Amino acid sequence: MEGIRTLQIETPVGEVHITATGDAIVALQFGRRAPDGKPAAGTTPAEDDKRSTGGEVTPDAKADRLLLRAAAELDEYFAGRRRDFTLPLAPRGTVFQQAVWKALRSIPYGQTRTYGEIARQIGHPRACRAVGMANHRNPIAIVIPCHRVIGNDGSLTGYAAGVGIKAQLLALERRYSAAPDSETERSDAASPDPALPAGTAFSDDTTVPAGAAAASGPAGASHS
């Protein structure tokens, strides 16, 4: 079974729990979801190098680096320095859900689309309700921007993490969308692997499914 690694971080809108394999981010959910599992062996890039076989970095080390990259890109997003994420993603869902999530990623930063517009974009103009359900089940919040989808009447409607968080994310993007592109263009490139802060610990997690719905809750700064 592929290894699953997790990282808990604090953001301006609450605690966020990130889950990754050595290849991609599979979940980003609101709320504290600390899983059972022993801490990873390494807490610095140098120690990561020790987790290798024949000179090849282990999947756990790759996942840990990817989690740190995700945390760095989220920091840039909330600081208004990143509009596009460069993370490899592997959300798990049905063919229809995948089509909806792909359409969500095409919504530009600072803009919104209605459920009806997304339904028409994916070729199912009468599937507004199904689009709403797929939106609710998006396993990778923020990066797959389901918060940018609103009701046909312009209302915020629902959000798995709560309408309050949805409103905060949209307000943040509106505030920074007027900023010159030069302020964000450097951050839109792939972030380098950041150094691990002292005390950082990761956890093995083979129980949290990538497709679990995001749960509401305050976001925190502890690593699990």
C-alpha atoms as a PDB file:
ATOM      1  CA  MET A   1       0.000   0.000   0.000  1.00  0.00           C
ATOM      2  CA  GLU A   2       1.293   3.429  -0.896  1.00  0.00           C
ATOM      3  CA  GLY A   3       2.503   5.526   2.025  1.00  0.00           C
ATOM      4  CA  ILE A   4       0.396   8.472   3.085  1.00  0.00           C
ATOM      5  CA  ARG A   5       1.916  11.447   4.926  1.00  0.00           C
ATOM      6  CA  THR A   6       0.155  14.330   6.635  1.00  0.00           C
ATOM      7  CA  LEU A   7       0.929  17.836   7.830  1.00  0.00           C
ATOM      8  CA  GLN A   8      -1.157  20.170   9.985  1.00  0.00           C
ATOM      9  CA  ILE A   9      -0.654  23.917   9.511  1.00  0.00           C
ATOM     10  CA  GLU A  10      -2.298  27.099  10.699  1.00  0.00           C
ATOM     11  CA  THR A  11      -3.685  29.606   8.205  1.00  0.00           C
ATOM     12  CA  PRO A  12      -5.546  32.918   8.549  1.00  0.00           C
ATOM     13  CA  VAL A  13      -8.834  31.036   8.091  1.00  0.00           C
ATOM     14  CA  GLY A  14      -8.089  28.188  10.482  1.00  0.00           C
ATOM     15  CA  GLU A  15      -6.298  24.883  10.704  1.00  0.00           C
ATOM     16  CA  VAL A  16      -5.595  23.005   7.490  1.00  0.00           C
ATOM     17  CA  HIS A  17      -4.699  19.330   7.222  1.00  0.00           C
ATOM     18  CA  ILE A  18      -2.690  18.363   4.112  1.00  0.00           C
ATOM     19  CA  THR A  19      -2.257  14.785   2.919  1.00  0.00           C
ATOM     20  CA  ALA A  20       0.258  13.631   0.302  1.00  0.00           C
ATOM     21  CA  THR A  21       1.917  10.628  -1.240  1.00  0.00           C
ATOM     22  CA  GLY A  22       5.395  10.773  -2.710  1.00  0.00           C
ATOM     23  CA  ASP A  23       3.837  11.827  -6.013  1.00  0.00           C
ATOM     24  CA  ALA A  24       1.011  14.265  -5.291  1.00  0.00           C
ATOM     25  CA  ILE A  25      -1.238  16.084  -2.866  1.00  0.00           C
ATOM     26  CA  VAL A  26      -4.348  13.957  -2.341  1.00  0.00           C
ATOM     27  CA  ALA A  27      -6.251  16.010   0.243  1.00  0.00           C
ATOM     28  CA  LEU A  28      -6.354  19.466   1.787  1.00  0.00           C
ATOM     29  CA  GLN A  29      -9.050  19.773   4.406  1.00  0.00           C
ATOM     30  CA  PHE A  30     -10.046  22.305   7.024  1.00  0.00           C
ATOM     31  CA  GLY A  31      -9.905  21.372  10.686  1.00  0.00           C
ATOM     32  CA  ARG A  32      -7.640  19.340  12.915  1.00  0.00           C
ATOM     33  CA  ARG A  33      -7.351  15.758  11.716  1.00  0.00           C
ATOM     34  CA  ALA A  34      -4.280  14.452  13.510  1.00  0.00           C
ATOM     35  CA  PRO A  35      -3.959  10.748  12.625  1.00  0.00           C
ATOM     36  CA  ASP A  36      -2.287   8.025  14.617  1.00  0.00           C
ATOM     37  CA  GLY A  37       1.183   7.245  13.358  1.00  0.00           C
ATOM     38  CA  LYS A  38       4.823   7.439  14.301  1.00  0.00           C
ATOM     39  CA  PRO A  39       6.795  10.606  13.412  1.00  0.00           C
ATOM     40  CA  ALA A  40       8.918  10.535  10.283  1.00  0.00           C
ATOM     41  CA  ALA A  41      12.588   9.751  10.781  1.00  0.00           C
ATOM     42  CA  GLY A  42      13.901  13.002   9.320  1.00  0.00           C
ATOM     43  CA  THR A  43      13.083  16.616  10.093  1.00  0.00           C
ATOM     44  CA  THR A  44      15.594  18.382   7.840  1.00  0.00           C
ATOM     45  CA  PRO A  45      16.533  18.003   4.157  1.00  0.00           C
ATOM     46  CA  ALA A  46      19.861  16.482   5.251  1.00  0.00           C
ATOM     47  CA  GLU A  47      18.031  13.878   7.307  1.00  0.00           C
ATOM     48  CA  ASP A  48      15.670  13.263   4.384  1.00  0.00           C
ATOM     49  CA  ASP A  49      18.708  12.189   2.368  1.00  0.00           C
ATOM     50  CA  LYS A  50      19.290   9.410   4.876  1.00  0.00           C
ATOM     51  CA  ARG A  51      15.882   7.966   4.020  1.00  0.00           C
ATOM     52  CA  SER A  52      17.035   6.595   0.706  1.00  0.00           C
ATOM     53  CA  THR A  53      17.697   3.283  -0.919  1.00  0.00           C
ATOM     54  CA  GLY A  54      20.631   3.053  -3.274  1.00  0.00           C
ATOM     55  CA  GLY A  55      20.768   6.825  -3.509  1.00  0.00           C
ATOM     56  CA  GLU A  56      17.059   7.124  -4.320  1.00  0.00           C
ATOM     57  CA  VAL A  57      14.931   9.262  -2.001  1.00  0.00           C
ATOM     58  CA  THR A  58      12.223   7.222  -0.300  1.00  0.00           C
ATOM     59  CA  PRO A  59       8.501   7.873  -0.943  1.00  0.00           C
ATOM     60  CA  ASP A  60       8.107   9.160   2.619  1.00  0.00           C
ATOM     61  CA  ALA A  61      10.846  11.746   2.116  1.00  0.00           C
ATOM     62  CA  LYS A  62       9.300  12.817  -1.201  1.00  0.00           C
ATOM     63  CA  ALA A  63       5.903  13.182   0.441  1.00  0.00           C
ATOM     64  CA  ASP A  64       7.338  15.248   3.300  1.00  0.00           C
ATOM     65  CA  ARG A  65       9.034  17.611   0.859  1.00  0.00           C
ATOM     66  CA  LEU A  66       5.806  17.923  -1.104  1.00  0.00           C
ATOM     67  CA  LEU A  67       3.890  18.746   2.073  1.00  0.00           C
ATOM     68  CA  LEU A  68       6.366  21.512   2.869  1.00  0.00           C
ATOM     69  CA  ARG A  69       6.058  22.860  -0.647  1.00  0.00           C
ATOM     70  CA  ALA A  70       2.278  22.903  -0.240  1.00  0.00           C
ATOM     71  CA  ALA A  71       2.582  24.757   3.070  1.00  0.00           C
ATOM     72  CA  ALA A  72       4.910  27.315   1.474  1.00  0.00           C
ATOM     73  CA  GLU A  73       2.551  27.919  -1.446  1.00  0.00           C
ATOM     74  CA  LEU A  74      -0.392  28.320   0.919  1.00  0.00           C
ATOM     75  CA  ASP A  75       1.585  30.901   2.921  1.00  0.00           C
ATOM     76  CA  GLU A  76       2.218  32.814  -0.308  1.00  0.00           C
ATOM     77  CA  TYR A  77      -1.464  32.564  -1.263  1.00  0.00           C
ATOM     78  CA  PHE A  78      -2.665  34.014   2.020  1.00  0.00           C
ATOM     79  CA  ALA A  79      -0.042  36.768   1.824  1.00  0.00           C
ATOM     80  CA  GLY A  80      -1.314  37.756  -1.617  1.00  0.00           C
ATOM     81  CA  ARG A  81       1.879  36.668  -3.377  1.00  0.00           C
ATOM     82  CA  ARG A  82       0.495  33.610  -5.171  1.00  0.00           C
ATOM     83  CA  ARG A  83      -2.470  33.331  -7.509  1.00  0.00           C
ATOM     84  CA  ASP A  84      -1.760  29.943  -9.070  1.00  0.00           C
ATOM     85  CA  PHE A  85      -0.618  26.765  -7.354  1.00  0.00           C
ATOM     86  CA  THR A  86       2.022  24.539  -8.953  1.00  0.00           C
ATOM     87  CA  LEU A  87       1.446  21.447  -6.822  1.00  0.00           C
ATOM     88  CA  PRO A  88       0.896  18.019  -8.394  1.00  0.00           C
ATOM     89  CA  LEU A  89      -2.599  16.884  -7.453  1.00  0.00           C
ATOM     90  CA  ALA A  90      -4.292  13.489  -7.357  1.00  0.00           C
ATOM     91  CA  PRO A  91      -7.868  13.925  -6.094  1.00  0.00           C
ATOM     92  CA  ARG A  92      -9.839  10.707  -6.009  1.00  0.00           C
ATOM     93  CA  GLY A  93     -13.360  10.773  -7.382  1.00  0.00           C
ATOM     94  CA  THR A  94     -15.741   9.695 -10.109  1.00  0.00           C
ATOM     95  CA  VAL A  95     -15.340  10.693 -13.744  1.00  0.00           C
ATOM     96  CA  PHE A  96     -18.029  13.347 -13.277  1.00  0.00           C
ATOM     97  CA  GLN A  97     -16.400  14.719 -10.129  1.00  0.00           C
ATOM     98  CA  GLN A  98     -13.025  14.857 -11.864  1.00  0.00           C
ATOM     99  CA  ALA A  99     -14.594  16.861 -14.711  1.00  0.00           C
ATOM    100  CA  VAL A 100     -16.079  19.329 -12.229  1.00  0.00           C
ATOM    101  CA  TRP A 101     -12.814  19.692 -10.294  1.00  0.00           C
ATOM    102  CA  LYS A 102     -10.918  20.275 -13.535  1.00  0.00           C
ATOM    103  CA  ALA A 103     -13.383  23.019 -14.439  1.00  0.00           C
ATOM    104  CA  LEU A 104     -12.962  24.608 -11.005  1.00  0.00           C
ATOM    105  CA  ARG A 105      -9.223  24.948 -11.597  1.00  0.00           C
ATOM    106  CA  SER A 106      -9.940  27.008 -14.707  1.00  0.00           C
ATOM    107  CA  ILE A 107     -11.711  29.747 -12.703  1.00  0.00           C
ATOM    108  CA  PRO A 108      -9.275  32.682 -12.558  1.00  0.00           C
ATOM    109  CA  TYR A 109      -8.059  34.059  -9.246  1.00  0.00           C
ATOM    110  CA  GLY A 110     -10.407  36.737  -7.925  1.00  0.00           C
ATOM    111  CA  GLN A 111     -13.333  35.636 -10.105  1.00  0.00           C
ATOM    112  CA  THR A 112     -16.386  33.443  -9.538  1.00  0.00           C
ATOM    113  CA  ARG A 113     -18.596  31.151 -11.580  1.00  0.00           C
ATOM    114  CA  THR A 114     -22.092  29.841 -10.924  1.00  0.00           C
ATOM    115  CA  TYR A 115     -22.998  26.184 -10.600  1.00  0.00           C
ATOM    116  CA  GLY A 116     -24.915  26.544 -13.854  1.00  0.00           C
ATOM    117  CA  GLU A 117     -21.869  27.913 -15.659  1.00  0.00           C
ATOM    118  CA  ILE A 118     -19.749  25.001 -14.465  1.00  0.00           C
ATOM    119  CA  ALA A 119     -22.458  22.541 -15.527  1.00  0.00           C
ATOM    120  CA  ARG A 120     -22.502  24.032 -19.022  1.00  0.00           C
ATOM    121  CA  GLN A 121     -18.695  24.088 -19.173  1.00  0.00           C
ATOM    122  CA  ILE A 122     -18.468  20.332 -18.606  1.00  0.00           C
ATOM    123  CA  GLY A 123     -21.254  19.581 -21.079  1.00  0.00           C
ATOM    124  CA  HIS A 124     -24.040  18.777 -18.580  1.00  0.00           C
ATOM    125  CA  PRO A 125     -26.143  21.956 -18.525  1.00  0.00           C
ATOM    126  CA  ARG A 126     -28.945  20.399 -16.466  1.00  0.00           C
ATOM    127  CA  ALA A 127     -26.627  18.950 -13.805  1.00  0.00           C
ATOM    128  CA  CYS A 128     -26.407  21.994 -11.514  1.00  0.00           C
ATOM    129  CA  ARG A 129     -27.295  19.974  -8.415  1.00  0.00           C
ATOM    130  CA  ALA A 130     -24.746  17.267  -9.258  1.00  0.00           C
ATOM    131  CA  VAL A 131     -22.128  19.967  -9.785  1.00  0.00           C
ATOM    132  CA  GLY A 132     -22.959  21.295  -6.329  1.00  0.00           C
ATOM    133  CA  MET A 133     -22.467  17.851  -4.810  1.00  0.00           C
ATOM    134  CA  ALA A 134     -19.134  17.390  -6.586  1.00  0.00           C
ATOM    135  CA  ASN A 135     -18.123  20.834  -5.388  1.00  0.00           C
ATOM    136  CA  HIS A 136     -18.978  19.858  -1.810  1.00  0.00           C
ATOM    137  CA  ARG A 137     -16.924  16.666  -2.094  1.00  0.00           C
ATOM    138  CA  ASN A 138     -13.816  18.374  -3.444  1.00  0.00           C
ATOM    139  CA  PRO A 139     -10.981  16.763  -1.430  1.00  0.00           C
ATOM    140  CA  ILE A 140      -8.376  19.484  -2.086  1.00  0.00           C
ATOM    141  CA  ALA A 141      -9.780  22.791  -0.845  1.00  0.00           C
ATOM    142  CA  ILE A 142      -8.301  26.147  -1.916  1.00  0.00           C
ATOM    143  CA  VAL A 143      -5.945  24.614  -4.503  1.00  0.00           C
ATOM    144  CA  ILE A 144      -8.983  23.258  -6.353  1.00  0.00           C
ATOM    145  CA  PRO A 145     -10.961  26.463  -5.768  1.00  0.00           C
ATOM    146  CA  CYS A 146     -14.488  25.295  -5.035  1.00  0.00           C
ATOM    147  CA  HIS A 147     -14.884  28.503  -3.003  1.00  0.00           C
ATOM    148  CA  ARG A 148     -15.113  30.401  -6.314  1.00  0.00           C
ATOM    149  CA  VAL A 149     -18.463  28.799  -7.202  1.00  0.00           C
ATOM    150  CA  ILE A 150     -21.581  30.723  -6.193  1.00  0.00           C
ATOM    151  CA  GLY A 151     -25.336  30.461  -6.634  1.00  0.00           C
ATOM    152  CA  ASN A 152     -27.088  31.647  -9.774  1.00  0.00           C
ATOM    153  CA  ASP A 153     -28.448  34.582  -7.786  1.00  0.00           C
ATOM    154  CA  GLY A 154     -24.964  35.586  -6.623  1.00  0.00           C
ATOM    155  CA  SER A 155     -25.353  34.144  -3.116  1.00  0.00           C
ATOM    156  CA  LEU A 156     -22.464  32.264  -1.557  1.00  0.00           C
ATOM    157  CA  THR A 157     -24.645  29.196  -0.922  1.00  0.00           C
ATOM    158  CA  GLY A 158     -22.883  26.350   0.898  1.00  0.00           C
ATOM    159  CA  TYR A 159     -19.271  25.425   1.521  1.00  0.00           C
ATOM    160  CA  ALA A 160     -17.998  22.279   3.221  1.00  0.00           C
ATOM    161  CA  ALA A 161     -15.845  24.292   5.635  1.00  0.00           C
ATOM    162  CA  GLY A 162     -18.559  26.881   6.240  1.00  0.00           C
ATOM    163  CA  VAL A 163     -19.810  29.911   4.324  1.00  0.00           C
ATOM    164  CA  GLY A 164     -17.755  32.170   6.608  1.00  0.00           C
ATOM    165  CA  ILE A 165     -14.484  30.682   5.374  1.00  0.00           C
ATOM    166  CA  LYS A 166     -15.718  30.847   1.773  1.00  0.00           C
ATOM    167  CA  ALA A 167     -16.451  34.556   2.213  1.00  0.00           C
ATOM    168  CA  GLN A 168     -12.981  35.141   3.682  1.00  0.00           C
ATOM    169  CA  LEU A 169     -11.257  33.393   0.764  1.00  0.00           C
ATOM    170  CA  LEU A 170     -13.225  35.378  -1.814  1.00  0.00           C
ATOM    171  CA  ALA A 171     -12.553  38.633   0.039  1.00  0.00           C
ATOM    172  CA  LEU A 172      -8.823  37.856   0.168  1.00  0.00           C
ATOM    173  CA  GLU A 173      -8.724  37.247  -3.583  1.00  0.00           C
ATOM    174  CA  ARG A 174     -10.702  40.394  -4.330  1.00  0.00           C
ATOM    175  CA  ARG A 175      -8.323  42.412  -2.188  1.00  0.00           C
ATOM    176  CA  TYR A 176      -5.201  41.131  -3.895  1.00  0.00           C
ATOM    177  CA  SER A 177      -6.553  40.711  -7.431  1.00  0.00           C
ATOM    178  CA  ALA A 178      -6.069  44.442  -8.038  1.00  0.00           C
ATOM    179  CA  ALA A 179      -2.362  44.140  -7.216  1.00  0.00           C
ATOM    180  CA  PRO A 180       0.073  44.366 -10.179  1.00  0.00           C
ATOM    181  CA  ASP A 181       1.039  41.006 -11.645  1.00  0.00           C
ATOM    182  CA  SER A 182       4.673  41.809 -10.900  1.00  0.00           C
ATOM    183  CA  GLU A 183       3.925  41.321  -7.217  1.00  0.00           C
ATOM    184  CA  THR A 184       2.897  37.710  -7.747  1.00  0.00           C
ATOM    185  CA  GLU A 185       4.749  36.519 -10.845  1.00  0.00           C
ATOM    186  CA  ARG A 186       7.794  35.318  -8.950  1.00  0.00           C
ATOM    187  CA  SER A 187       5.666  33.301  -6.563  1.00  0.00           C
ATOM    188  CA  ASP A 188       3.741  31.687  -9.407  1.00  0.00           C
ATOM    189  CA  ALA A 189       6.832  29.662 -10.273  1.00  0.00           C
ATOM    190  CA  ALA A 190       7.250  26.366  -8.464  1.00  0.00           C
ATOM    191  CA  SER A 191       8.404  26.931  -4.918  1.00  0.00           C
ATOM    192  CA  PRO A 192      11.756  25.403  -3.963  1.00  0.00           C
ATOM    193  CA  ASP A 193      11.772  22.789  -1.265  1.00  0.00           C
ATOM    194  CA  PRO A 194      11.640  24.873   1.929  1.00  0.00           C
ATOM    195  CA  ALA A 195      13.760  24.107   4.953  1.00  0.00           C
ATOM    196  CA  LEU A 196      11.994  22.316   7.763  1.00  0.00           C
ATOM    197  CA  PRO A 197      11.558  24.383  10.911  1.00  0.00           C
ATOM    198  CA  ALA A 198      12.865  22.976  14.158  1.00  0.00           C
ATOM    199  CA  GLY A 199      10.403  20.650  15.816  1.00  0.00           C
ATOM    200  CA  THR A 200       8.525  19.794  12.619  1.00  0.00           C
ATOM    201  CA  ALA A 201       7.175  16.271  12.618  1.00  0.00           C
ATOM    202  CA  PHE A 202       5.182  14.375  10.052  1.00  0.00           C
ATOM    203  CA  SER A 203       2.945  11.360  10.473  1.00  0.00           C
ATOM    204  CA  ASP A 204       2.211   8.237   8.529  1.00  0.00           C
ATOM    205  CA  ASP A 205      -1.490   8.203   7.660  1.00  0.00           C
ATOM    206  CA  THR A 206      -3.089   5.249   5.977  1.00  0.00           C
ATOM    207  CA  THR A 207      -6.596   5.903   7.281  1.00  0.00           C
ATOM    208  CA  VAL A 208      -7.621   9.340   6.000  1.00  0.00           C
ATOM    209  CA  PRO A 209      -9.171   8.856   2.529  1.00  0.00           C
ATOM    210  CA  ALA A 210      -8.229  11.435  -0.081  1.00  0.00           C
ATOM    211  CA  GLY A 211     -11.858  11.855  -1.022  1.00  0.00           C
ATOM    212  CA  ALA A 212     -13.120  12.649   2.473  1.00  0.00           C
ATOM    213  CA  ALA A 213     -15.236  15.804   2.600  1.00  0.00           C
ATOM    214  CA  ALA A 214     -13.577  18.866   4.092  1.00  0.00           C
ATOM    215  CA  ALA A 215     -14.675  19.462   7.656  1.00  0.00           C
ATOM    216  CA  SER A 216     -15.125  22.811   9.298  1.00  0.00           C
ATOM    217  CA  GLY A 217     -12.960  23.775  12.215  1.00  0.00           C
ATOM    218  CA  PRO A 218     -10.226  26.154  13.281  1.00  0.00           C
ATOM    219  CA  ALA A 219      -6.829  25.648  11.500  1.00  0.00           C
ATOM    220  CA  GLY A 220      -3.664  25.147  13.585  1.00  0.00           C
ATOM    221  CA  ALA A 221       0.090  25.440  13.498  1.00  0.00           C
ATOM    222  CA  SER A 222       1.056  22.008  14.771  1.00  0.00           C
ATOM    223  CA  HIS A 223       2.479  19.274  12.592  1.00  0.00           C
ATOM    224  CA  SER A 224       1.046  15.797  13.059  1.00  0.00           C
END
